[in-house]
Amino acid sequence: MELTHTRLLVKNYKECYEFYREVLKFPCTWGDDSTNYAQFTVGATQLAIFEKQQMLEDIGESLPDLEQNMFQAMLIFRVANVDQKYEELKSRVHFINEPHDRIDWGIRVVHFKDPEGNLIEMNHNI
């Protein structure tokens, strides 16, 4: 696996977008202040911000579960084939969802949590 970037899950997307773009001056390579996702180049890696509610909806968690799932960041790993990696790990990892295409993101994804509840995504481009 290759760690591609870190995604911060935020409640106030616009304020965070302005902070990373205007205050820290990170170049934005994806998204803008009117979307709910943006990605910034930070050295040799990427830092992304994403509206927490949208991420919860995408993985099938509901708003009442928010207090139980206080994750703030997630690890994103690019893999050669999401379905193959899913099959390889499913006996050792409890997946939150099954591999699925996110056409709007241009990727195939699957999600699980580490033992501390940190959210992890594996993806490949489609």
C-alpha atoms as a PDB file:
ATOM      1  CA  MET A   1       0.000   0.000   0.000  1.00  0.00           C
ATOM      2  CA  GLU A   2       1.038   3.587  -0.606  1.00  0.00           C
ATOM      3  CA  LEU A   3      -0.086   6.373   1.740  1.00  0.00           C
ATOM      4  CA  THR A   4      -1.317   9.091  -0.592  1.00  0.00           C
ATOM      5  CA  HIS A   5      -2.647  11.772   1.745  1.00  0.00           C
ATOM      6  CA  THR A   6      -4.342  12.607   5.000  1.00  0.00           C
ATOM      7  CA  ARG A   7      -7.949  13.797   5.038  1.00  0.00           C
ATOM      8  CA  LEU A   8      -9.230  15.943   7.875  1.00  0.00           C
ATOM      9  CA  LEU A   9     -12.938  15.582   8.543  1.00  0.00           C
ATOM     10  CA  VAL A  10     -14.271  19.003   9.458  1.00  0.00           C
ATOM     11  CA  LYS A  11     -17.521  20.539  10.649  1.00  0.00           C
ATOM     12  CA  ASN A  12     -16.847  24.033   9.252  1.00  0.00           C
ATOM     13  CA  TYR A  13     -15.575  23.359   5.748  1.00  0.00           C
ATOM     14  CA  LYS A  14     -15.403  26.937   4.439  1.00  0.00           C
ATOM     15  CA  GLU A  15     -13.489  28.218   7.476  1.00  0.00           C
ATOM     16  CA  CYS A  16     -11.007  25.341   7.206  1.00  0.00           C
ATOM     17  CA  TYR A  17     -10.634  25.854   3.458  1.00  0.00           C
ATOM     18  CA  GLU A  18      -9.782  29.517   3.987  1.00  0.00           C
ATOM     19  CA  PHE A  19      -7.357  28.619   6.778  1.00  0.00           C
ATOM     20  CA  TYR A  20      -5.341  26.121   4.714  1.00  0.00           C
ATOM     21  CA  ARG A  21      -5.446  28.169   1.516  1.00  0.00           C
ATOM     22  CA  GLU A  22      -5.244  31.750   2.774  1.00  0.00           C
ATOM     23  CA  VAL A  23      -3.487  31.487   6.142  1.00  0.00           C
ATOM     24  CA  LEU A  24      -1.095  28.589   5.537  1.00  0.00           C
ATOM     25  CA  LYS A  25      -0.871  29.305   1.780  1.00  0.00           C
ATOM     26  CA  PHE A  26      -1.107  25.629   0.733  1.00  0.00           C
ATOM     27  CA  PRO A  27      -1.776  25.343  -3.016  1.00  0.00           C
ATOM     28  CA  CYS A  28      -5.238  23.901  -3.623  1.00  0.00           C
ATOM     29  CA  THR A  29      -5.103  21.151  -6.264  1.00  0.00           C
ATOM     30  CA  TRP A  30      -8.742  20.007  -6.042  1.00  0.00           C
ATOM     31  CA  GLY A  31     -11.967  21.687  -4.908  1.00  0.00           C
ATOM     32  CA  ASP A  32     -12.720  25.221  -3.777  1.00  0.00           C
ATOM     33  CA  ASP A  33     -14.548  27.158  -1.063  1.00  0.00           C
ATOM     34  CA  SER A  34     -17.990  26.273  -2.481  1.00  0.00           C
ATOM     35  CA  THR A  35     -17.568  22.478  -2.416  1.00  0.00           C
ATOM     36  CA  ASN A  36     -17.331  20.133   0.550  1.00  0.00           C
ATOM     37  CA  TYR A  37     -13.912  18.696  -0.375  1.00  0.00           C
ATOM     38  CA  ALA A  38     -10.537  20.235  -1.147  1.00  0.00           C
ATOM     39  CA  GLN A  39      -7.044  18.885  -1.499  1.00  0.00           C
ATOM     40  CA  PHE A  40      -3.829  20.822  -0.912  1.00  0.00           C
ATOM     41  CA  THR A  41      -0.218  20.084  -1.789  1.00  0.00           C
ATOM     42  CA  VAL A  42       1.920  20.059   1.347  1.00  0.00           C
ATOM     43  CA  GLY A  43       5.494  19.176   0.517  1.00  0.00           C
ATOM     44  CA  ALA A  44       5.619  15.728  -1.091  1.00  0.00           C
ATOM     45  CA  THR A  45       2.139  14.706   0.084  1.00  0.00           C
ATOM     46  CA  GLN A  46      -1.463  15.871   0.032  1.00  0.00           C
ATOM     47  CA  LEU A  47      -3.675  17.203   2.811  1.00  0.00           C
ATOM     48  CA  ALA A  48      -7.407  17.061   2.178  1.00  0.00           C
ATOM     49  CA  ILE A  49     -10.353  18.523   4.055  1.00  0.00           C
ATOM     50  CA  PHE A  50     -13.812  17.053   3.768  1.00  0.00           C
ATOM     51  CA  GLU A  51     -17.103  17.924   5.387  1.00  0.00           C
ATOM     52  CA  LYS A  52     -17.576  15.367   8.180  1.00  0.00           C
ATOM     53  CA  GLN A  53     -21.319  14.928   7.611  1.00  0.00           C
ATOM     54  CA  GLN A  54     -20.742  14.008   3.960  1.00  0.00           C
ATOM     55  CA  MET A  55     -18.150  11.383   4.954  1.00  0.00           C
ATOM     56  CA  LEU A  56     -20.516   9.902   7.534  1.00  0.00           C
ATOM     57  CA  GLU A  57     -23.244   9.634   4.914  1.00  0.00           C
ATOM     58  CA  ASP A  58     -20.863   8.019   2.440  1.00  0.00           C
ATOM     59  CA  ILE A  59     -19.864   5.245   4.849  1.00  0.00           C
ATOM     60  CA  GLY A  60     -23.428   4.704   6.048  1.00  0.00           C
ATOM     61  CA  GLU A  61     -23.105   6.283   9.488  1.00  0.00           C
ATOM     62  CA  SER A  62     -25.900   8.526  10.738  1.00  0.00           C
ATOM     63  CA  LEU A  63     -25.701  11.857  12.498  1.00  0.00           C
ATOM     64  CA  PRO A  64     -26.659  10.382  15.924  1.00  0.00           C
ATOM     65  CA  ASP A  65     -23.620   8.112  15.591  1.00  0.00           C
ATOM     66  CA  LEU A  66     -21.412  11.189  15.265  1.00  0.00           C
ATOM     67  CA  GLU A  67     -20.756  11.383  19.017  1.00  0.00           C
ATOM     68  CA  GLN A  68     -19.702   7.726  19.046  1.00  0.00           C
ATOM     69  CA  ASN A  69     -17.491   8.155  15.980  1.00  0.00           C
ATOM     70  CA  MET A  70     -15.434  11.221  16.757  1.00  0.00           C
ATOM     71  CA  PHE A  71     -12.785  10.550  14.130  1.00  0.00           C
ATOM     72  CA  GLN A  72     -11.193  13.730  12.848  1.00  0.00           C
ATOM     73  CA  ALA A  73      -8.815  12.337  10.271  1.00  0.00           C
ATOM     74  CA  MET A  74      -8.549   9.341   8.041  1.00  0.00           C
ATOM     75  CA  LEU A  75      -5.744   7.559   6.244  1.00  0.00           C
ATOM     76  CA  ILE A  76      -6.080   7.054   2.520  1.00  0.00           C
ATOM     77  CA  PHE A  77      -4.099   4.308   0.809  1.00  0.00           C
ATOM     78  CA  ARG A  78      -3.866   3.886  -2.941  1.00  0.00           C
ATOM     79  CA  VAL A  79      -3.788   0.211  -3.922  1.00  0.00           C
ATOM     80  CA  ALA A  80      -3.452  -1.489  -7.286  1.00  0.00           C
ATOM     81  CA  ASN A  81      -6.893  -3.108  -7.029  1.00  0.00           C
ATOM     82  CA  VAL A  82      -9.443  -2.328  -4.302  1.00  0.00           C
ATOM     83  CA  ASP A  83     -11.443  -5.520  -4.839  1.00  0.00           C
ATOM     84  CA  GLN A  84      -8.367  -7.717  -4.663  1.00  0.00           C
ATOM     85  CA  LYS A  85      -7.121  -6.008  -1.477  1.00  0.00           C
ATOM     86  CA  TYR A  86     -10.627  -6.250   0.026  1.00  0.00           C
ATOM     87  CA  GLU A  87     -10.661 -10.022  -0.581  1.00  0.00           C
ATOM     88  CA  GLU A  88      -7.159 -10.324   0.866  1.00  0.00           C
ATOM     89  CA  LEU A  89      -8.033  -8.464   4.076  1.00  0.00           C
ATOM     90  CA  LYS A  90     -11.704  -9.262   4.736  1.00  0.00           C
ATOM     91  CA  SER A  91     -10.916 -12.177   7.057  1.00  0.00           C
ATOM     92  CA  ARG A  92      -8.716  -9.902   9.210  1.00  0.00           C
ATOM     93  CA  VAL A  93     -10.471  -6.527   8.941  1.00  0.00           C
ATOM     94  CA  HIS A  94     -14.073  -5.518   9.635  1.00  0.00           C
ATOM     95  CA  PHE A  95     -14.997  -3.429   6.600  1.00  0.00           C
ATOM     96  CA  ILE A  96     -17.591  -0.686   7.000  1.00  0.00           C
ATOM     97  CA  ASN A  97     -18.732  -1.062   3.411  1.00  0.00           C
ATOM     98  CA  GLU A  98     -17.948  -3.095   0.326  1.00  0.00           C
ATOM     99  CA  PRO A  99     -15.867  -1.822  -2.575  1.00  0.00           C
ATOM    100  CA  HIS A 100     -17.836   0.702  -4.587  1.00  0.00           C
ATOM    101  CA  ASP A 101     -17.256   3.272  -7.306  1.00  0.00           C
ATOM    102  CA  ARG A 102     -17.323   6.972  -6.515  1.00  0.00           C
ATOM    103  CA  ILE A 103     -17.657   8.253 -10.051  1.00  0.00           C
ATOM    104  CA  ASP A 104     -17.715  11.860  -8.811  1.00  0.00           C
ATOM    105  CA  TRP A 105     -14.345  11.295  -7.105  1.00  0.00           C
ATOM    106  CA  GLY A 106     -12.921   9.202  -9.962  1.00  0.00           C
ATOM    107  CA  ILE A 107     -12.062   6.304  -7.654  1.00  0.00           C
ATOM    108  CA  ARG A 108     -13.184   2.884  -6.448  1.00  0.00           C
ATOM    109  CA  VAL A 109     -13.142   2.797  -2.625  1.00  0.00           C
ATOM    110  CA  VAL A 110     -13.674   0.715   0.478  1.00  0.00           C
ATOM    111  CA  HIS A 111     -13.541   1.779   4.143  1.00  0.00           C
ATOM    112  CA  PHE A 112     -12.632   0.240   7.505  1.00  0.00           C
ATOM    113  CA  LYS A 113     -11.432   1.402  10.915  1.00  0.00           C
ATOM    114  CA  ASP A 114      -8.301   0.615  12.872  1.00  0.00           C
ATOM    115  CA  PRO A 115      -8.613  -0.704  16.466  1.00  0.00           C
ATOM    116  CA  GLU A 116      -8.796   2.865  17.805  1.00  0.00           C
ATOM    117  CA  GLY A 117     -11.645   3.750  15.464  1.00  0.00           C
ATOM    118  CA  ASN A 118      -9.576   5.784  12.988  1.00  0.00           C
ATOM    119  CA  LEU A 119     -11.128   5.679   9.540  1.00  0.00           C
ATOM    120  CA  ILE A 120      -9.089   4.143   6.709  1.00  0.00           C
ATOM    121  CA  GLU A 121      -9.854   4.226   2.991  1.00  0.00           C
ATOM    122  CA  MET A 122      -8.301   2.163   0.238  1.00  0.00           C
ATOM    123  CA  ASN A 123      -8.820   3.337  -3.336  1.00  0.00           C
ATOM    124  CA  HIS A 124      -7.709   3.105  -6.920  1.00  0.00           C
ATOM    125  CA  ASN A 125      -8.458   5.372  -9.873  1.00  0.00           C
ATOM    126  CA  ILE A 126     -11.234   4.344 -12.241  1.00  0.00           C
END
